[in-house]
Every structure is written in C-alpha cells, then in structure tokens.
Amino acid sequence: LKAIARLIVSSRPTQTLGAMAANNAGKRKAGSLDTLPPICGGALVTSIVMYPADVVRAICMSNPGTGAGAALKGFLEAHGVMGFVKQGLVAEVTRASISRAIKFFMQPIVHKGLYGKP
C-alpha cells in the first residue's frame, strides 16, 4: 500500500494551472493549419490500412458464403500483395485525401454561414 501511495503522490502535476498558463503566456496559439498535417497523416494511414479490409468486404459481398479469410487468401493467391496497389489503392487514398481536405477547408466557411461566427 505504501508503494501505491508513493505512486499516487508522484503522479500529481508539479505545476498548478496558473503556473502552466504563465509559462505559455505570449506564445502563439495553435491555428487550424497547425492541425492539418497530423490530420492528413492520420487520414493517409487510415486509408492505406483500411483498403485491404474494404477489398475483402467487397469480395465477401459479391460472393455470398465466402468468409473473410477465404476471400483474403483467394485475392492474395490471384493478385499478390501488389494487387492491392494495382487494384486501386492509390486512387482510394487520393479520393479520401481530397475529400478530407475539402471538409477541412469548408467546415469553417459553412459553420460561419450557418451560425454567423467562426
């Protein structure tokens, strides 16, 4: 129990909120363009990771009774791993990235139009 108590005491913040605010005084606040690179990076990774799952889902839907494992195995035997790239991975990532960029830049404009404030 003493070890747990020491852990709890040592995990408390060392600065109060006022001290943290004073440390950040005068620093520039992050704007919407500061969030664009990590959002685009995350969207890119998500598109690449989820594309094979989308291909397997499409195969399972077009062939009723085919399991996900069998669909993936059949696709890999027929096309190999490069089949994902040749079958439209680049087009899917491009489409998703353009869609997300449009949403990113249009959201403040639409929000201001609907609510009158940014």
Foldseek 3Di string as FASTA:
>chain_A
DVVVVVVVVVPDDPDDPVVVVVVCPPPDDDDLVNCVVVVLVVLLVCLLVCQVVVQLVVQCVVPPPDDSVNSSVVCCVVQNPCVSVVVASVVSSVVSSVVVVCCSVCVVVVCCVVPVHD
